[in-house]
């Protein structure tokens, strides 16, 4: 019996040692798993990086739509359109209604004719500088000389008008003078002319040929040509 008790006791000791060894092995496995915790957190970090990348991509996409290739070109085109196509072009002869009327004021030493341009082209247009003026006379064509006044650019909306003045010497010599038979007007920067009836005095005094006695003022100078 004593031998059996010793055997049982020895078996119990062996079993205890085996249990301790097993517990020791479980602890080592647990420690080797703990470094894996960062690895397990790595996917969340990666998803955070992915989110940042996606956010950056969204920001980049917004930038593209707001100002890179297509957006920038549209803005430039619109700006260019506003600066070029949005700018007001010059008035063409065919867009203008032209008429002439006497504008002489009693007491003035010279006679005055006002020529009026009315924009009938259906769009805004601009006039500046001097119109070309030629008088048809019994002695031939007579070109008016510019007064030299500074001209301002005038923008006419559809239906609006602007006028300039022509001054000429009054024939008070008592002679027949030079008979005026018509008026030819060419709008500024144009080559197409308009022929009108002359509304002023019927004749000009005969000159010595030293230069044209007829003067034309700039756009906007009606009544101030002399």
C-alpha atoms as a PDB file:
ATOM      1  CA  UNK A   1       0.000   0.000   0.000  1.00  0.00           C
ATOM      2  CA  UNK A   2       2.816   2.381   0.742  1.00  0.00           C
ATOM      3  CA  UNK A   3       4.210   1.745  -2.699  1.00  0.00           C
ATOM      4  CA  UNK A   4       0.855   2.508  -4.298  1.00  0.00           C
ATOM      5  CA  UNK A   5       0.556   5.781  -2.332  1.00  0.00           C
ATOM      6  CA  UNK A   6       4.001   6.799  -3.484  1.00  0.00           C
ATOM      7  CA  UNK A   7       3.100   5.982  -7.049  1.00  0.00           C
ATOM      8  CA  UNK A   8      -0.090   8.019  -6.865  1.00  0.00           C
ATOM      9  CA  UNK A   9       1.819  10.891  -5.302  1.00  0.00           C
ATOM     10  CA  UNK A  10       4.401  10.767  -8.070  1.00  0.00           C
ATOM     11  CA  UNK A  11       1.713  10.761 -10.705  1.00  0.00           C
ATOM     12  CA  UNK A  12       0.127  13.755  -9.042  1.00  0.00           C
ATOM     13  CA  UNK A  13       3.442  15.612  -9.130  1.00  0.00           C
ATOM     14  CA  UNK A  14       3.891  14.776 -12.837  1.00  0.00           C
ATOM     15  CA  UNK A  15       0.361  15.922 -13.565  1.00  0.00           C
ATOM     16  CA  UNK A  16       1.038  19.179 -11.726  1.00  0.00           C
ATOM     17  CA  UNK A  17       4.175  19.773 -13.712  1.00  0.00           C
ATOM     18  CA  UNK A  18       2.353  19.069 -16.945  1.00  0.00           C
ATOM     19  CA  UNK A  19      -0.399  21.536 -15.982  1.00  0.00           C
ATOM     20  CA  UNK A  20       2.193  24.206 -15.146  1.00  0.00           C
ATOM     21  CA  UNK A  21       3.901  23.641 -18.470  1.00  0.00           C
ATOM     22  CA  UNK A  22       0.611  24.012 -20.299  1.00  0.00           C
ATOM     23  CA  UNK A  23      -0.181  27.271 -18.494  1.00  0.00           C
ATOM     24  CA  UNK A  24       3.277  28.578 -19.275  1.00  0.00           C
ATOM     25  CA  UNK A  25       2.735  27.758 -22.992  1.00  0.00           C
ATOM     26  CA  UNK A  26      -0.619  29.604 -23.033  1.00  0.00           C
ATOM     27  CA  UNK A  27       1.008  32.796 -21.676  1.00  0.00           C
ATOM     28  CA  UNK A  28       3.617  32.806 -24.448  1.00  0.00           C
ATOM     29  CA  UNK A  29       0.940  32.560 -27.102  1.00  0.00           C
ATOM     30  CA  UNK A  30      -0.905  35.488 -25.550  1.00  0.00           C
ATOM     31  CA  UNK A  31       2.225  37.659 -25.616  1.00  0.00           C
ATOM     32  CA  UNK A  32       2.920  36.816 -29.218  1.00  0.00           C
ATOM     33  CA  UNK A  33      -0.622  37.885 -30.062  1.00  0.00           C
ATOM     34  CA  UNK A  34      -0.295  41.278 -28.374  1.00  0.00           C
ATOM     35  CA  UNK A  35       2.135  42.712 -30.948  1.00  0.00           C
ATOM     36  CA  UNK A  36      -0.436  41.702 -33.497  1.00  0.00           C
ATOM     37  CA  UNK A  37      -2.772  44.265 -31.969  1.00  0.00           C
ATOM     38  CA  UNK A  38      -1.139  47.102 -33.939  1.00  0.00           C
ATOM     39  CA  UNK A  39      -1.449  44.904 -36.979  1.00  0.00           C
ATOM     40  CA  UNK A  40      -5.106  44.492 -36.218  1.00  0.00           C
ATOM     41  CA  UNK A  41      -5.340  48.277 -35.826  1.00  0.00           C
ATOM     42  CA  UNK A  42      -3.437  48.673 -39.082  1.00  0.00           C
ATOM     43  CA  UNK A  43      -6.580  48.143 -41.194  1.00  0.00           C
ATOM     44  CA  UNK A  44      -8.275  51.018 -39.377  1.00  0.00           C
ATOM     45  CA  UNK A  45      -5.191  53.174 -40.072  1.00  0.00           C
ATOM     46  CA  UNK A  46      -5.290  52.083 -43.668  1.00  0.00           C
ATOM     47  CA  UNK A  47      -8.958  52.936 -43.916  1.00  0.00           C
ATOM     48  CA  UNK A  48      -8.099  56.328 -42.431  1.00  0.00           C
ATOM     49  CA  UNK A  49      -5.454  56.793 -45.129  1.00  0.00           C
ATOM     50  CA  UNK A  50      -7.978  55.683 -47.717  1.00  0.00           C
ATOM     51  CA  UNK A  51     -10.462  58.203 -46.352  1.00  0.00           C
ATOM     52  CA  UNK A  52      -7.818  60.940 -46.517  1.00  0.00           C
ATOM     53  CA  UNK A  53      -6.933  59.912 -50.046  1.00  0.00           C
ATOM     54  CA  UNK A  54     -10.613  59.899 -51.010  1.00  0.00           C
ATOM     55  CA  UNK A  55     -11.077  63.314 -49.394  1.00  0.00           C
ATOM     56  CA  UNK A  56      -8.040  64.645 -51.256  1.00  0.00           C
ATOM     57  CA  UNK A  57      -9.395  63.163 -54.466  1.00  0.00           C
ATOM     58  CA  UNK A  58     -12.718  64.880 -53.866  1.00  0.00           C
ATOM     59  CA  UNK A  59     -10.953  68.153 -53.199  1.00  0.00           C
ATOM     60  CA  UNK A  60      -8.922  67.707 -56.351  1.00  0.00           C
ATOM     61  CA  UNK A  61     -12.035  66.903 -58.335  1.00  0.00           C
ATOM     62  CA  UNK A  62     -13.705  70.043 -57.028  1.00  0.00           C
ATOM     63  CA  UNK A  63     -10.646  72.042 -58.037  1.00  0.00           C
ATOM     64  CA  UNK A  64     -10.795  70.572 -61.527  1.00  0.00           C
ATOM     65  CA  UNK A  65     -14.448  71.461 -61.916  1.00  0.00           C
ATOM     66  CA  UNK A  66     -13.812  74.927 -60.544  1.00  0.00           C
ATOM     67  CA  UNK A  67     -10.728  76.068 -62.352  1.00  0.00           C
ATOM     68  CA  UNK A  68      -8.502  73.608 -64.175  1.00  0.00           C
ATOM     69  CA  UNK A  69      -8.964  72.442 -67.750  1.00  0.00           C
ATOM     70  CA  UNK A  70     -12.648  72.676 -68.575  1.00  0.00           C
ATOM     71  CA  UNK A  71     -13.628  75.143 -65.845  1.00  0.00           C
ATOM     72  CA  UNK A  72     -10.643  77.418 -66.480  1.00  0.00           C
ATOM     73  CA  UNK A  73     -11.182  77.426 -70.235  1.00  0.00           C
ATOM     74  CA  UNK A  74     -14.841  78.260 -69.848  1.00  0.00           C
ATOM     75  CA  UNK A  75     -13.982  81.131 -67.538  1.00  0.00           C
ATOM     76  CA  UNK A  76     -11.345  82.407 -69.970  1.00  0.00           C
ATOM     77  CA  UNK A  77     -13.700  82.019 -72.902  1.00  0.00           C
ATOM     78  CA  UNK A  78     -16.416  83.881 -71.027  1.00  0.00           C
ATOM     79  CA  UNK A  79     -13.938  86.571 -70.030  1.00  0.00           C
ATOM     80  CA  UNK A  80     -12.621  86.798 -73.551  1.00  0.00           C
ATOM     81  CA  UNK A  81     -16.136  86.945 -74.827  1.00  0.00           C
ATOM     82  CA  UNK A  82     -16.960  89.729 -72.385  1.00  0.00           C
ATOM     83  CA  UNK A  83     -13.772  91.741 -73.380  1.00  0.00           C
ATOM     84  CA  UNK A  84     -14.073  91.002 -77.270  1.00  0.00           C
ATOM     85  CA  UNK A  85     -17.621  89.875 -78.272  1.00  0.00           C
ATOM     86  CA  UNK A  86     -19.075  91.939 -75.395  1.00  0.00           C
ATOM     87  CA  UNK A  87     -17.260  95.040 -76.633  1.00  0.00           C
ATOM     88  CA  UNK A  88     -19.254  97.540 -78.723  1.00  0.00           C
ATOM     89  CA  UNK A  89     -18.331  97.545 -82.389  1.00  0.00           C
ATOM     90  CA  UNK A  90     -18.306 100.584 -84.646  1.00  0.00           C
ATOM     91  CA  UNK A  91     -21.456 101.744 -86.385  1.00  0.00           C
ATOM     92  CA  UNK A  92     -21.709 100.675 -90.001  1.00  0.00           C
ATOM     93  CA  UNK A  93     -23.168 102.888 -92.689  1.00  0.00           C
ATOM     94  CA  UNK A  94     -25.978 100.437 -93.390  1.00  0.00           C
ATOM     95  CA  UNK A  95     -26.975 100.508 -89.706  1.00  0.00           C
ATOM     96  CA  UNK A  96     -27.316 104.299 -89.582  1.00  0.00           C
ATOM     97  CA  UNK A  97     -30.189 106.534 -90.576  1.00  0.00           C
ATOM     98  CA  UNK A  98     -28.638 109.803 -91.712  1.00  0.00           C
ATOM     99  CA  UNK A  99     -30.369 113.137 -92.083  1.00  0.00           C
ATOM    100  CA  UNK A 100     -29.253 116.751 -92.415  1.00  0.00           C
ATOM    101  CA  UNK A 101     -31.007 119.892 -91.218  1.00  0.00           C
ATOM    102  CA  UNK A 102     -30.273 123.580 -91.101  1.00  0.00           C
ATOM    103  CA  UNK A 103     -28.962 124.612 -87.688  1.00  0.00           C
ATOM    104  CA  UNK A 104     -28.005 128.214 -88.323  1.00  0.00           C
ATOM    105  CA  UNK A 105     -28.646 130.582 -85.420  1.00  0.00           C
ATOM    106  CA  UNK A 106     -29.609 134.160 -86.148  1.00  0.00           C
ATOM    107  CA  UNK A 107     -26.666 136.455 -85.671  1.00  0.00           C
ATOM    108  CA  UNK A 108     -24.009 133.797 -86.357  1.00  0.00           C
ATOM    109  CA  UNK A 109     -21.448 134.917 -88.949  1.00  0.00           C
ATOM    110  CA  UNK A 110     -21.479 131.479 -90.558  1.00  0.00           C
ATOM    111  CA  UNK A 111     -24.201 129.111 -91.608  1.00  0.00           C
ATOM    112  CA  UNK A 112     -24.499 125.731 -89.862  1.00  0.00           C
ATOM    113  CA  UNK A 113     -25.902 122.374 -90.942  1.00  0.00           C
ATOM    114  CA  UNK A 114     -26.331 119.553 -88.439  1.00  0.00           C
ATOM    115  CA  UNK A 115     -26.004 115.968 -89.626  1.00  0.00           C
ATOM    116  CA  UNK A 116     -27.621 113.388 -87.394  1.00  0.00           C
ATOM    117  CA  UNK A 117     -26.797 109.693 -87.176  1.00  0.00           C
ATOM    118  CA  UNK A 118     -29.492 107.435 -85.694  1.00  0.00           C
ATOM    119  CA  UNK A 119     -28.643 103.852 -84.871  1.00  0.00           C
ATOM    120  CA  UNK A 120     -31.137 101.534 -86.543  1.00  0.00           C
ATOM    121  CA  UNK A 121     -29.037  98.378 -86.598  1.00  0.00           C
ATOM    122  CA  UNK A 122     -30.718  96.595 -83.704  1.00  0.00           C
ATOM    123  CA  UNK A 123     -27.522  96.558 -81.611  1.00  0.00           C
ATOM    124  CA  UNK A 124     -25.392  99.042 -79.728  1.00  0.00           C
ATOM    125  CA  UNK A 125     -22.603 100.566 -81.803  1.00  0.00           C
ATOM    126  CA  UNK A 126     -19.968 103.274 -81.389  1.00  0.00           C
ATOM    127  CA  UNK A 127     -18.985 106.385 -83.297  1.00  0.00           C
ATOM    128  CA  UNK A 128     -15.930 108.547 -82.781  1.00  0.00           C
ATOM    129  CA  UNK A 129     -13.783 110.965 -84.707  1.00  0.00           C
ATOM    130  CA  UNK A 130     -14.883 112.801 -87.813  1.00  0.00           C
ATOM    131  CA  UNK A 131     -17.267 111.926 -90.578  1.00  0.00           C
ATOM    132  CA  UNK A 132     -16.261 112.603 -94.151  1.00  0.00           C
ATOM    133  CA  UNK A 133     -18.174 115.525 -95.675  1.00  0.00           C
ATOM    134  CA  UNK A 134     -18.230 116.586 -99.308  1.00  0.00           C
ATOM    135  CA  UNK A 135     -20.419 119.238-100.850  1.00  0.00           C
ATOM    136  CA  UNK A 136     -21.537 118.859-104.430  1.00  0.00           C
ATOM    137  CA  UNK A 137     -21.353 122.257-106.098  1.00  0.00           C
ATOM    138  CA  UNK A 138     -21.635 123.823-109.498  1.00  0.00           C
ATOM    139  CA  UNK A 139     -17.835 124.088-109.438  1.00  0.00           C
ATOM    140  CA  UNK A 140     -17.236 120.463-108.507  1.00  0.00           C
ATOM    141  CA  UNK A 141     -16.863 118.523-105.265  1.00  0.00           C
ATOM    142  CA  UNK A 142     -15.733 120.447-102.196  1.00  0.00           C
ATOM    143  CA  UNK A 143     -14.383 118.547 -99.173  1.00  0.00           C
ATOM    144  CA  UNK A 144     -14.916 119.987 -95.706  1.00  0.00           C
ATOM    145  CA  UNK A 145     -11.895 120.516 -93.465  1.00  0.00           C
ATOM    146  CA  UNK A 146     -11.773 119.224 -89.896  1.00  0.00           C
ATOM    147  CA  UNK A 147     -11.914 121.798 -87.127  1.00  0.00           C
ATOM    148  CA  UNK A 148      -9.295 119.919 -85.089  1.00  0.00           C
ATOM    149  CA  UNK A 149     -11.489 119.604 -81.989  1.00  0.00           C
ATOM    150  CA  UNK A 150     -10.936 116.523 -79.866  1.00  0.00           C
ATOM    151  CA  UNK A 151     -13.502 113.818 -80.388  1.00  0.00           C
ATOM    152  CA  UNK A 152     -15.096 111.585 -77.757  1.00  0.00           C
ATOM    153  CA  UNK A 153     -16.306 108.055 -78.392  1.00  0.00           C
ATOM    154  CA  UNK A 154     -20.097 107.872 -78.392  1.00  0.00           C
ATOM    155  CA  UNK A 155     -21.975 104.596 -77.895  1.00  0.00           C
ATOM    156  CA  UNK A 156     -25.437 104.538 -79.436  1.00  0.00           C
ATOM    157  CA  UNK A 157     -28.040 102.062 -78.317  1.00  0.00           C
ATOM    158  CA  UNK A 158     -30.555 101.007 -80.928  1.00  0.00           C
ATOM    159  CA  UNK A 159     -32.706 104.041 -81.706  1.00  0.00           C
ATOM    160  CA  UNK A 160     -30.354 106.640 -80.189  1.00  0.00           C
ATOM    161  CA  UNK A 161     -28.873 109.545 -82.147  1.00  0.00           C
ATOM    162  CA  UNK A 162     -25.847 111.817 -82.232  1.00  0.00           C
ATOM    163  CA  UNK A 163     -25.059 114.764 -84.498  1.00  0.00           C
ATOM    164  CA  UNK A 164     -22.120 116.772 -85.749  1.00  0.00           C
ATOM    165  CA  UNK A 165     -21.942 120.236 -87.253  1.00  0.00           C
ATOM    166  CA  UNK A 166     -20.890 121.601 -90.625  1.00  0.00           C
ATOM    167  CA  UNK A 167     -20.135 125.310 -90.855  1.00  0.00           C
ATOM    168  CA  UNK A 168     -19.876 127.290 -94.077  1.00  0.00           C
ATOM    169  CA  UNK A 169     -19.542 130.979 -95.031  1.00  0.00           C
ATOM    170  CA  UNK A 170     -22.710 132.793 -95.916  1.00  0.00           C
ATOM    171  CA  UNK A 171     -22.740 134.310 -99.367  1.00  0.00           C
ATOM    172  CA  UNK A 172     -23.533 137.947 -98.725  1.00  0.00           C
ATOM    173  CA  UNK A 173     -21.409 139.254-101.597  1.00  0.00           C
ATOM    174  CA  UNK A 174     -24.401 140.036-103.757  1.00  0.00           C
ATOM    175  CA  UNK A 175     -23.063 137.745-106.471  1.00  0.00           C
ATOM    176  CA  UNK A 176     -24.384 134.386-107.585  1.00  0.00           C
ATOM    177  CA  UNK A 177     -21.623 132.564-105.765  1.00  0.00           C
ATOM    178  CA  UNK A 178     -21.116 128.804-105.992  1.00  0.00           C
ATOM    179  CA  UNK A 179     -24.324 126.820-106.058  1.00  0.00           C
ATOM    180  CA  UNK A 180     -24.571 123.809-103.702  1.00  0.00           C
ATOM    181  CA  UNK A 181     -26.377 120.863-105.250  1.00  0.00           C
ATOM    182  CA  UNK A 182     -25.963 118.126-102.639  1.00  0.00           C
ATOM    183  CA  UNK A 183     -24.187 116.693 -99.586  1.00  0.00           C
ATOM    184  CA  UNK A 184     -22.241 113.447 -99.290  1.00  0.00           C
ATOM    185  CA  UNK A 185     -21.555 112.057 -95.793  1.00  0.00           C
ATOM    186  CA  UNK A 186     -19.338 109.131 -94.881  1.00  0.00           C
ATOM    187  CA  UNK A 187     -19.591 107.859 -91.273  1.00  0.00           C
ATOM    188  CA  UNK A 188     -16.310 107.653 -89.318  1.00  0.00           C
ATOM    189  CA  UNK A 189     -14.083 104.699 -90.240  1.00  0.00           C
ATOM    190  CA  UNK A 190     -16.393 103.736 -93.084  1.00  0.00           C
ATOM    191  CA  UNK A 191     -16.003 103.849 -96.857  1.00  0.00           C
ATOM    192  CA  UNK A 192     -19.678 103.695 -97.842  1.00  0.00           C
ATOM    193  CA  UNK A 193     -21.244 107.130 -98.213  1.00  0.00           C
ATOM    194  CA  UNK A 194     -24.757 108.524 -98.037  1.00  0.00           C
ATOM    195  CA  UNK A 195     -26.008 111.256-100.414  1.00  0.00           C
ATOM    196  CA  UNK A 196     -28.354 113.848 -98.922  1.00  0.00           C
ATOM    197  CA  UNK A 197     -30.121 117.006 -99.995  1.00  0.00           C
ATOM    198  CA  UNK A 198     -28.322 120.143 -98.824  1.00  0.00           C
ATOM    199  CA  UNK A 199     -30.563 121.944 -96.265  1.00  0.00           C
ATOM    200  CA  UNK A 200     -28.428 125.099 -95.873  1.00  0.00           C
ATOM    201  CA  UNK A 201     -28.055 128.229 -97.932  1.00  0.00           C
ATOM    202  CA  UNK A 202     -28.198 127.738-101.656  1.00  0.00           C
ATOM    203  CA  UNK A 203     -24.778 129.186-102.442  1.00  0.00           C
ATOM    204  CA  UNK A 204     -21.279 129.719-101.123  1.00  0.00           C
ATOM    205  CA  UNK A 205     -19.215 132.818-101.788  1.00  0.00           C
ATOM    206  CA  UNK A 206     -16.566 132.456-104.442  1.00  0.00           C
ATOM    207  CA  UNK A 207     -13.188 131.828-102.823  1.00  0.00           C
ATOM    208  CA  UNK A 208      -9.668 132.556-103.948  1.00  0.00           C
ATOM    209  CA  UNK A 209      -8.821 128.873-103.923  1.00  0.00           C
ATOM    210  CA  UNK A 210      -6.673 129.052-100.776  1.00  0.00           C
ATOM    211  CA  UNK A 211      -8.595 126.237 -99.101  1.00  0.00           C
ATOM    212  CA  UNK A 212     -12.036 124.958 -98.320  1.00  0.00           C
ATOM    213  CA  UNK A 213     -14.228 127.439 -96.456  1.00  0.00           C
ATOM    214  CA  UNK A 214     -16.422 124.562 -95.235  1.00  0.00           C
ATOM    215  CA  UNK A 215     -15.537 122.971 -91.896  1.00  0.00           C
ATOM    216  CA  UNK A 216     -16.746 119.841 -90.132  1.00  0.00           C
ATOM    217  CA  UNK A 217     -16.739 119.211 -86.388  1.00  0.00           C
ATOM    218  CA  UNK A 218     -16.308 115.855 -84.658  1.00  0.00           C
ATOM    219  CA  UNK A 219     -19.081 113.490 -83.636  1.00  0.00           C
ATOM    220  CA  UNK A 220     -21.237 115.197 -80.999  1.00  0.00           C
ATOM    221  CA  UNK A 221     -20.421 118.737 -82.107  1.00  0.00           C
ATOM    222  CA  UNK A 222     -23.704 119.767 -83.700  1.00  0.00           C
ATOM    223  CA  UNK A 223     -23.883 123.536 -83.751  1.00  0.00           C
ATOM    224  CA  UNK A 224     -20.210 123.834 -82.763  1.00  0.00           C
ATOM    225  CA  UNK A 225     -18.481 123.068 -86.018  1.00  0.00           C
ATOM    226  CA  UNK A 226     -17.051 126.588 -86.377  1.00  0.00           C
END
